[in-house]
Amino acid sequence: MTHILLIDDEPSLVAVLEPVLGAAGYRVTTAGDGASAIWRAGAEQPDIILLDLGLPDIDGKDVIRNIRVTSRAPIIVISARHQEGEKVAALDEGADDYVNKPFEIGELMARIRAALRRSSSLLHQPPAYSGGPLHIDFGERRVTVGGEAVRLSPKEHDLLVALALSAGQVVTHKRLLAVGWGPEGADSQYLRVYIGLLRQKIEEDSADPRLILTEPGVGYRLVTPEGTGEA
């Protein structure tokens, strides 16, 4: 049975969601503060986590950061903080999706199913990618270029992995936006910014990229060792 960890300090919301999720076939455990949430995420290893940012003891973004030390379970933020900066910060810390309160139960259930599908697909990916100077260990979330470790943010890493899993093929803007920002995506400007950051970290010359190539109007392509093309 799929295990959901529900982290929220609103008893009324928990009282609604817990039976609804249970009726849908999920096993639900709950936490009402950040400290117990971090402990439960590490000890119980849930399959997916629903997290409110406004916890009484620890800011939700810090909770995400701590959970990511021990768990790769999808994290869906459910929060009344609608500011774009809050969403971007939560996603950058390692959240997979963001749902604004108040929300429709049907929408939340759809987001949960989508996150679980993505998580399941990752279980069947190859253990590593090697192409030219670039090496990605998917399990360890470790990236090296020319043997030197490269430090990436969670979102930069996820975008690079998406490109690597389709190396040599174009990955569309829509697909990359879904990988980085969930089903609703985001403004394509965010994607351009993050691809620029990735190029700065893995390209020999980010102004003349040879690994991540732009396919104008379509998306981006990670070049395989024998691949050629223009940025």
Protein backbone atom coordinates (compact mmCIF):
# COMPACT_ATOMS: atom_id res chain seq x y z
CA MET A 1 0.00 0.00 0.00
CA THR A 2 1.40 3.40 -1.00
CA HIS A 3 2.41 5.37 2.08
CA ILE A 4 1.70 9.11 2.25
CA LEU A 5 3.23 11.31 4.95
CA LEU A 6 0.92 14.30 5.51
CA ILE A 7 2.68 17.24 7.21
CA ASP A 8 0.29 20.00 8.29
CA ASP A 9 -0.56 21.74 11.55
CA GLU A 10 -4.19 22.48 10.62
CA PRO A 11 -6.29 19.81 12.39
CA SER A 12 -9.32 20.64 10.24
CA LEU A 13 -7.43 19.99 7.00
CA VAL A 14 -5.86 16.80 8.33
CA ALA A 15 -9.32 15.64 9.46
CA VAL A 16 -10.53 16.03 5.87
CA LEU A 17 -7.54 14.71 3.96
CA GLU A 18 -6.67 11.68 6.08
CA PRO A 19 -9.92 9.77 5.48
CA VAL A 20 -10.12 10.87 1.84
CA LEU A 21 -6.62 9.58 1.13
CA GLY A 22 -7.35 6.43 3.09
CA ALA A 23 -10.49 5.80 1.08
CA ALA A 24 -8.41 6.14 -2.10
CA GLY A 25 -6.23 3.25 -0.95
CA TYR A 26 -3.30 5.12 0.58
CA ARG A 27 -1.80 4.48 4.00
CA VAL A 28 -1.51 7.85 5.74
CA THR A 29 0.67 8.97 8.64
CA THR A 30 0.72 12.56 9.85
CA ALA A 31 3.04 15.11 11.44
CA GLY A 32 2.01 18.49 12.82
CA ASP A 33 5.42 20.15 13.11
CA GLY A 34 8.74 20.26 11.29
CA ALA A 35 10.83 18.27 13.77
CA SER A 36 8.52 15.26 13.81
CA ALA A 37 8.09 15.53 10.03
CA ILE A 38 11.83 15.27 9.45
CA TRP A 39 12.06 12.31 11.81
CA ARG A 40 9.12 10.48 10.24
CA ALA A 41 10.37 11.05 6.70
CA GLY A 42 13.69 9.43 7.60
CA ALA A 43 12.36 6.65 9.81
CA GLU A 44 9.27 5.67 7.82
CA GLN A 45 10.52 6.33 4.25
CA PRO A 46 7.08 7.22 2.84
CA ASP A 47 6.40 6.90 -0.87
CA ILE A 48 5.20 10.51 -1.15
CA ILE A 49 5.04 13.54 1.14
CA LEU A 50 2.42 16.31 1.35
CA LEU A 51 3.88 19.33 3.13
CA ASP A 52 2.53 22.65 4.38
CA LEU A 53 5.18 25.38 4.52
CA GLY A 54 3.65 27.21 7.49
CA LEU A 55 4.66 24.88 10.32
CA PRO A 56 4.86 26.09 13.93
CA ASP A 57 8.52 25.31 14.65
CA ILE A 58 10.53 25.11 11.39
CA ASP A 59 9.90 26.83 8.07
CA GLY A 60 8.69 24.35 5.49
CA LYS A 61 11.56 25.11 3.10
CA ASP A 62 14.04 24.07 5.81
CA VAL A 63 12.00 20.92 6.37
CA ILE A 64 12.31 20.09 2.67
CA ARG A 65 16.06 20.62 2.81
CA ASN A 66 16.38 18.28 5.81
CA ILE A 67 14.10 15.62 4.36
CA ARG A 68 16.15 15.55 1.18
CA VAL A 69 19.14 14.31 3.19
CA THR A 70 17.42 10.98 3.84
CA SER A 71 14.56 10.69 1.35
CA ARG A 72 13.99 11.03 -2.39
CA ALA A 73 10.22 10.62 -2.06
CA PRO A 74 8.22 13.13 -4.11
CA ILE A 75 7.26 16.18 -2.05
CA ILE A 76 4.11 18.09 -2.94
CA VAL A 77 3.85 21.41 -1.14
CA ILE A 78 0.31 22.39 -0.11
CA SER A 79 0.46 25.96 1.11
CA ALA A 80 -1.41 29.24 1.46
CA ARG A 81 1.78 31.08 0.48
CA HIS A 82 0.99 32.10 -3.07
CA GLN A 83 4.00 34.33 -3.70
CA GLU A 84 6.07 33.25 -6.67
CA GLY A 85 9.29 33.58 -4.65
CA GLU A 86 8.01 31.12 -2.06
CA LYS A 87 7.15 28.59 -4.76
CA VAL A 88 10.50 28.90 -6.49
CA ALA A 89 12.39 28.61 -3.18
CA ALA A 90 10.46 25.49 -2.15
CA LEU A 91 11.02 23.88 -5.54
CA ASP A 92 14.70 24.78 -5.46
CA GLU A 93 15.08 23.07 -2.08
CA GLY A 94 13.79 19.84 -3.59
CA ALA A 95 9.98 19.94 -3.68
CA ASP A 96 8.47 18.32 -6.74
CA ASP A 97 5.18 20.20 -7.01
CA TYR A 98 3.24 23.05 -5.40
CA VAL A 99 -0.51 23.26 -4.82
CA ASN A 100 -2.09 26.46 -3.52
CA LYS A 101 -4.56 26.41 -0.64
CA PRO A 102 -7.49 26.28 -0.91
CA PHE A 103 -7.47 23.46 -3.47
CA GLU A 104 -9.87 20.95 -4.95
CA ILE A 105 -9.46 17.40 -3.67
CA GLY A 106 -9.63 16.09 -7.22
CA GLU A 107 -6.71 18.28 -8.27
CA LEU A 108 -4.60 17.15 -5.32
CA MET A 109 -5.32 13.49 -6.05
CA ALA A 110 -4.28 14.01 -9.68
CA ARG A 111 -1.03 15.67 -8.56
CA ILE A 112 -0.33 12.73 -6.23
CA ARG A 113 -0.87 10.19 -9.01
CA ALA A 114 1.37 12.16 -11.39
CA ALA A 115 4.16 12.44 -8.81
CA LEU A 116 3.99 8.71 -8.08
CA ARG A 117 4.16 7.89 -11.80
CA ARG A 118 7.27 10.03 -12.18
CA SER A 119 8.82 8.46 -9.10
CA SER A 120 8.09 4.96 -10.36
CA SER A 121 9.66 5.70 -13.75
CA LEU A 122 12.87 6.79 -12.04
CA LEU A 123 13.18 3.33 -10.45
CA HIS A 124 13.70 1.85 -13.92
CA GLN A 125 16.30 4.30 -15.16
CA PRO A 126 19.89 3.18 -15.85
CA PRO A 127 22.34 3.60 -12.94
CA ALA A 128 24.53 6.18 -14.66
CA TYR A 129 25.16 8.24 -17.78
CA SER A 130 28.54 8.87 -19.40
CA GLY A 131 29.03 11.05 -22.44
CA GLY A 132 32.33 12.74 -23.25
CA PRO A 133 33.53 14.61 -20.15
CA LEU A 134 30.13 14.37 -18.44
CA HIS A 135 29.28 11.59 -15.99
CA ILE A 136 26.05 11.36 -13.95
CA ASP A 137 25.51 8.81 -11.19
CA PHE A 138 21.72 8.78 -10.91
CA GLY A 139 21.58 6.88 -7.64
CA GLU A 140 24.14 9.04 -5.86
CA ARG A 141 22.91 12.22 -7.59
CA ARG A 142 26.56 12.95 -8.37
CA VAL A 143 27.75 14.83 -11.46
CA THR A 144 31.34 15.10 -12.65
CA VAL A 145 32.87 16.85 -15.64
CA GLY A 146 36.33 15.69 -16.63
CA GLY A 147 36.52 13.82 -13.32
CA GLU A 148 35.80 16.94 -11.26
CA ALA A 149 32.68 17.01 -9.08
CA VAL A 150 30.08 19.63 -10.02
CA ARG A 151 27.65 20.98 -7.44
CA LEU A 152 24.11 21.37 -8.81
CA SER A 153 20.89 22.54 -7.19
CA PRO A 154 18.10 19.93 -7.06
CA LYS A 155 16.31 21.53 -9.98
CA GLU A 156 19.47 21.82 -12.10
CA HIS A 157 20.16 18.15 -11.39
CA ASP A 158 16.64 17.05 -12.35
CA LEU A 159 16.76 18.98 -15.62
CA LEU A 160 20.16 17.51 -16.47
CA VAL A 161 18.92 13.99 -15.70
CA ALA A 162 15.90 14.53 -17.95
CA LEU A 163 18.23 15.55 -20.77
CA ALA A 164 20.59 12.63 -20.07
CA LEU A 165 17.80 10.04 -20.11
CA SER A 166 16.97 11.23 -23.64
CA ALA A 167 20.56 11.95 -24.71
CA GLY A 168 20.84 12.69 -28.40
CA GLN A 169 17.14 13.52 -28.64
CA VAL A 170 15.34 16.81 -28.26
CA VAL A 171 13.55 17.26 -24.93
CA THR A 172 10.78 19.80 -25.38
CA HIS A 173 10.32 22.95 -23.33
CA LYS A 174 7.01 21.54 -22.08
CA ARG A 175 8.61 18.32 -20.85
CA LEU A 176 11.46 20.12 -19.10
CA LEU A 177 9.07 22.59 -17.49
CA ALA A 178 7.04 19.64 -16.16
CA VAL A 179 10.19 18.00 -14.79
CA GLY A 180 11.34 21.17 -13.08
CA TRP A 181 8.07 22.77 -12.02
CA GLY A 182 5.40 20.07 -11.94
CA PRO A 183 2.30 19.52 -14.11
CA GLU A 184 1.42 23.21 -14.36
CA GLY A 185 4.92 24.07 -15.55
CA ALA A 186 6.18 27.64 -15.28
CA ASP A 187 7.16 30.57 -17.44
CA SER A 188 9.71 29.44 -20.03
CA GLN A 189 12.03 32.21 -18.85
CA TYR A 190 12.73 30.14 -15.73
CA LEU A 191 13.83 27.25 -17.93
CA ARG A 192 16.18 29.48 -19.93
CA VAL A 193 17.72 30.75 -16.70
CA TYR A 194 18.30 27.25 -15.34
CA ILE A 195 19.72 25.93 -18.61
CA GLY A 196 22.08 28.92 -18.54
CA LEU A 197 23.15 28.00 -15.00
CA LEU A 198 23.69 24.38 -16.03
CA ARG A 199 25.83 25.44 -18.96
CA GLN A 200 27.98 27.61 -16.69
CA LYS A 201 28.66 24.57 -14.51
CA ILE A 202 29.21 21.79 -17.05
CA GLU A 203 30.32 23.49 -20.27
CA GLU A 204 33.91 24.45 -20.99
CA ASP A 205 32.57 27.71 -22.43
CA SER A 206 28.95 28.49 -21.57
CA ALA A 207 28.85 31.11 -24.33
CA ASP A 208 29.68 28.37 -26.87
CA PRO A 209 27.92 25.27 -25.47
CA ARG A 210 28.89 21.86 -26.80
CA LEU A 211 26.96 19.60 -24.44
CA ILE A 212 23.51 21.17 -24.03
CA LEU A 213 22.33 22.45 -27.40
CA THR A 214 19.32 24.66 -28.08
CA GLU A 215 16.73 23.48 -30.58
CA PRO A 216 15.08 26.85 -31.35
CA GLY A 217 11.42 26.95 -30.54
CA VAL A 218 11.38 23.29 -29.48
CA GLY A 219 13.64 22.50 -26.54
CA TYR A 220 17.13 21.33 -25.66
CA ARG A 221 19.30 18.34 -26.51
CA LEU A 222 22.18 16.76 -24.62
CA VAL A 223 24.78 15.78 -27.19
CA THR A 224 26.03 12.20 -27.13
CA PRO A 225 29.83 11.69 -27.50
CA GLU A 226 29.55 11.20 -31.24
CA GLY A 227 26.86 13.88 -31.65
CA THR A 228 27.39 17.21 -33.34
CA GLY A 229 25.33 20.32 -33.71
CA GLU A 230 25.14 24.01 -33.16
CA ALA A 231 23.96 25.76 -30.00
